[in-house]
Amino acid sequence: MKIVVCGGCFDVLHGGHVKLLQEARKLGDILIVLVNDDAYVARKGPCRPILKLEERMAILRELRSVSIVLPFSAEDPCEMLRMIEPDIFVKGSEYEGKGIVEEATMREVGGKVVYIDSGIDTHSGNLIAMLERG
């Protein structure tokens, strides 16, 4: 059984998130989504999170592509990756070549990082900033 993990804030779920999760699920049998807690999201800017952790997790659980949703409170998902030992960790293509810390952790657990282009140039932070400007 091939396990795929993806993580993020998912504060205001949008089409880019959905596409990324759909493509991630195609890489394995189980897709585990790690969701940053409210304290982490709050550091991203004023009025964040828009949606509290439990609501973000509930929305993600309803997506057909998602098998399991877990919260995490660390700055990065590396400890969770060590516990789960997935075959693949998925990140958006905008992180490719940036030397993310998850690359070393995935090598440590015998897996790899796969970067996926969702084809949609939308980020929750951009959407929220547009709303704040009115």
Foldseek 3Di string as FASTA:
>chain_A
DAEEEEEEACQPPDLLNLLQLQVRLVVDPAYEYEHEAQVLQCVVDPPPSVDHPVVSQVVVVPRPSHDYYHYDHDPDCLVVCLVVLGQEYEDAPVCPPVPDPVQVSNVVSNHHYDHHHSVDPDDPVVVVVVVVVD
